Amino acid sequence: MEFEKRDVSVVAKDEKAKAKVEQAKGKVEETAGRTVGNEGLTAKGRAEKAKGDVRQAKEKAKDVFKR
């Protein structure tokens, strides 16, 4: 039973890390798009950042219900 809990914890940490990477990647793309005046890149960056935000919110909600 204890082994299963650790597995879930590792997966949760992995998902949280993915969220942070998506947020950072999105911010970089958005900033680069604004810098060069590329609206498509800016939009792609915003979308990637939003995807990371949603993933992070999902993980935080799961943490609340674990307790």
N, C-alpha and C. Protein backbone atom coordinates (compact mmCIF):
# COMPACT_ATOMS: atom_id res chain seq x y z
N MET A 1 0.83 -1.19 0.00
CA MET A 1 0.00 0.00 0.00
C MET A 1 0.87 1.25 0.00
N GLU A 2 1.90 1.26 0.81
CA GLU A 2 2.78 2.43 0.88
C GLU A 2 3.45 2.69 -0.46
N PHE A 3 3.82 1.64 -1.16
CA PHE A 3 4.47 1.79 -2.46
C PHE A 3 3.56 2.52 -3.44
N GLU A 4 2.28 2.20 -3.42
CA GLU A 4 1.33 2.85 -4.32
C GLU A 4 1.24 4.34 -4.04
N LYS A 5 1.26 4.74 -2.79
CA LYS A 5 1.19 6.16 -2.44
C LYS A 5 2.41 6.90 -2.99
N ARG A 6 3.56 6.30 -2.89
CA ARG A 6 4.76 6.95 -3.41
C ARG A 6 4.68 7.10 -4.92
N ASP A 7 4.18 6.10 -5.59
CA ASP A 7 4.02 6.17 -7.05
C ASP A 7 3.13 7.34 -7.43
N VAL A 8 2.03 7.53 -6.75
CA VAL A 8 1.11 8.62 -7.04
C VAL A 8 1.81 9.95 -6.80
N SER A 9 2.58 10.02 -5.73
CA SER A 9 3.30 11.25 -5.41
C SER A 9 4.30 11.61 -6.50
N VAL A 10 4.97 10.62 -7.03
CA VAL A 10 5.95 10.86 -8.10
C VAL A 10 5.24 11.37 -9.35
N VAL A 11 4.10 10.76 -9.65
CA VAL A 11 3.33 11.19 -10.82
C VAL A 11 2.85 12.62 -10.63
N ALA A 12 2.38 12.96 -9.43
CA ALA A 12 1.91 14.31 -9.15
C ALA A 12 3.04 15.33 -9.32
N LYS A 13 4.21 14.98 -8.84
CA LYS A 13 5.35 15.89 -8.97
C LYS A 13 5.72 16.06 -10.44
N ASP A 14 5.63 14.97 -11.20
CA ASP A 14 5.92 15.04 -12.63
C ASP A 14 4.92 15.96 -13.34
N GLU A 15 3.65 15.85 -12.99
CA GLU A 15 2.62 16.70 -13.59
C GLU A 15 2.82 18.16 -13.22
N LYS A 16 3.21 18.41 -11.98
CA LYS A 16 3.48 19.78 -11.54
C LYS A 16 4.67 20.36 -12.30
N ALA A 17 5.68 19.53 -12.53
CA ALA A 17 6.85 19.98 -13.28
C ALA A 17 6.47 20.30 -14.73
N LYS A 18 5.61 19.45 -15.32
CA LYS A 18 5.15 19.71 -16.68
C LYS A 18 4.41 21.04 -16.76
N ALA A 19 3.62 21.33 -15.73
CA ALA A 19 2.87 22.59 -15.70
C ALA A 19 3.83 23.77 -15.69
N LYS A 20 4.85 23.69 -14.87
CA LYS A 20 5.83 24.79 -14.79
C LYS A 20 6.57 24.97 -16.12
N VAL A 21 6.92 23.87 -16.76
CA VAL A 21 7.62 23.93 -18.05
C VAL A 21 6.72 24.57 -19.10
N GLU A 22 5.45 24.16 -19.13
CA GLU A 22 4.52 24.73 -20.11
C GLU A 22 4.33 26.22 -19.87
N GLN A 23 4.23 26.62 -18.61
CA GLN A 23 4.07 28.03 -18.29
C GLN A 23 5.29 28.83 -18.74
N ALA A 24 6.47 28.32 -18.44
CA ALA A 24 7.70 29.03 -18.81
C ALA A 24 7.86 29.10 -20.32
N LYS A 25 7.62 27.98 -20.99
CA LYS A 25 7.74 27.94 -22.45
C LYS A 25 6.75 28.93 -23.08
N GLY A 26 5.54 28.95 -22.57
CA GLY A 26 4.53 29.87 -23.08
C GLY A 26 4.93 31.31 -22.89
N LYS A 27 5.47 31.62 -21.74
CA LYS A 27 5.90 33.00 -21.46
C LYS A 27 7.02 33.42 -22.41
N VAL A 28 7.95 32.51 -22.66
CA VAL A 28 9.06 32.81 -23.57
C VAL A 28 8.53 33.04 -24.99
N GLU A 29 7.64 32.15 -25.45
CA GLU A 29 7.08 32.30 -26.79
C GLU A 29 6.27 33.58 -26.91
N GLU A 30 5.49 33.89 -25.90
CA GLU A 30 4.68 35.11 -25.92
C GLU A 30 5.57 36.35 -25.99
N THR A 31 6.61 36.36 -25.17
CA THR A 31 7.53 37.50 -25.15
C THR A 31 8.27 37.63 -26.47
N ALA A 32 8.72 36.51 -27.01
CA ALA A 32 9.42 36.53 -28.30
C ALA A 32 8.49 37.02 -29.40
N GLY A 33 7.26 36.57 -29.38
CA GLY A 33 6.28 37.01 -30.38
C GLY A 33 6.03 38.50 -30.31
N ARG A 34 5.91 39.01 -29.11
CA ARG A 34 5.71 40.46 -28.94
C ARG A 34 6.95 41.24 -29.43
N THR A 35 8.12 40.72 -29.11
CA THR A 35 9.36 41.40 -29.47
C THR A 35 9.51 41.54 -30.98
N VAL A 36 9.20 40.48 -31.71
CA VAL A 36 9.38 40.51 -33.16
C VAL A 36 8.10 40.91 -33.90
N GLY A 37 7.02 41.14 -33.14
CA GLY A 37 5.77 41.55 -33.77
C GLY A 37 5.03 40.42 -34.46
N ASN A 38 5.24 39.20 -34.01
CA ASN A 38 4.60 38.04 -34.60
C ASN A 38 3.39 37.66 -33.75
N GLU A 39 2.20 38.03 -34.22
CA GLU A 39 0.99 37.77 -33.44
C GLU A 39 0.71 36.28 -33.28
N GLY A 40 1.05 35.50 -34.27
CA GLY A 40 0.84 34.05 -34.19
C GLY A 40 1.67 33.43 -33.08
N LEU A 41 2.92 33.83 -32.97
CA LEU A 41 3.79 33.31 -31.92
C LEU A 41 3.32 33.79 -30.55
N THR A 42 2.86 35.02 -30.49
CA THR A 42 2.33 35.55 -29.24
C THR A 42 1.11 34.74 -28.80
N ALA A 43 0.21 34.46 -29.72
CA ALA A 43 -0.98 33.68 -29.40
C ALA A 43 -0.62 32.25 -29.00
N LYS A 44 0.34 31.67 -29.69
CA LYS A 44 0.78 30.31 -29.36
C LYS A 44 1.37 30.29 -27.95
N GLY A 45 2.12 31.32 -27.62
CA GLY A 45 2.70 31.41 -26.28
C GLY A 45 1.64 31.55 -25.21
N ARG A 46 0.64 32.38 -25.47
CA ARG A 46 -0.46 32.53 -24.51
C ARG A 46 -1.20 31.21 -24.30
N ALA A 47 -1.41 30.49 -25.40
CA ALA A 47 -2.11 29.21 -25.32
C ALA A 47 -1.30 28.20 -24.51
N GLU A 48 -0.01 28.16 -24.73
CA GLU A 48 0.86 27.22 -24.00
C GLU A 48 0.87 27.58 -22.51
N LYS A 49 0.94 28.86 -22.22
CA LYS A 49 0.93 29.31 -20.82
C LYS A 49 -0.39 28.95 -20.16
N ALA A 50 -1.49 29.14 -20.87
CA ALA A 50 -2.81 28.80 -20.34
C ALA A 50 -2.92 27.29 -20.07
N LYS A 51 -2.35 26.51 -20.96
CA LYS A 51 -2.35 25.05 -20.78
C LYS A 51 -1.61 24.68 -19.48
N GLY A 52 -0.50 25.34 -19.25
CA GLY A 52 0.25 25.11 -18.01
C GLY A 52 -0.52 25.57 -16.79
N ASP A 53 -1.22 26.69 -16.92
CA ASP A 53 -2.03 27.21 -15.81
C ASP A 53 -3.14 26.22 -15.44
N VAL A 54 -3.79 25.66 -16.46
CA VAL A 54 -4.86 24.70 -16.22
C VAL A 54 -4.31 23.44 -15.56
N ARG A 55 -3.19 22.96 -16.05
CA ARG A 55 -2.58 21.75 -15.47
C ARG A 55 -2.20 22.01 -14.00
N GLN A 56 -1.66 23.19 -13.73
CA GLN A 56 -1.28 23.52 -12.36
C GLN A 56 -2.52 23.60 -11.46
N ALA A 57 -3.58 24.22 -11.95
CA ALA A 57 -4.82 24.31 -11.17
C ALA A 57 -5.38 22.93 -10.86
N LYS A 58 -5.31 22.04 -11.86
CA LYS A 58 -5.80 20.67 -11.67
C LYS A 58 -5.00 19.97 -10.57
N GLU A 59 -3.69 20.13 -10.59
CA GLU A 59 -2.84 19.49 -9.59
C GLU A 59 -3.09 20.07 -8.20
N LYS A 60 -3.31 21.37 -8.12
CA LYS A 60 -3.60 21.99 -6.82
C LYS A 60 -4.93 21.48 -6.28
N ALA A 61 -5.91 21.33 -7.16
CA ALA A 61 -7.22 20.81 -6.74
C ALA A 61 -7.07 19.37 -6.23
N LYS A 62 -6.27 18.58 -6.90
CA LYS A 62 -6.06 17.21 -6.44
C LYS A 62 -5.40 17.20 -5.07
N ASP A 63 -4.46 18.13 -4.85
CA ASP A 63 -3.79 18.21 -3.54
C ASP A 63 -4.77 18.53 -2.43
N VAL A 64 -5.72 19.40 -2.71
CA VAL A 64 -6.71 19.78 -1.70
C VAL A 64 -7.53 18.56 -1.28
N PHE A 65 -7.92 17.73 -2.24
CA PHE A 65 -8.75 16.59 -1.94
C PHE A 65 -7.98 15.41 -1.36
N LYS A 66 -6.66 15.42 -1.45
CA LYS A 66 -5.85 14.36 -0.86
C LYS A 66 -5.85 14.45 0.65
N ARG A 67 -6.00 15.65 1.17
CA ARG A 67 -5.90 15.87 2.61
C ARG A 67 -7.14 15.54 3.28
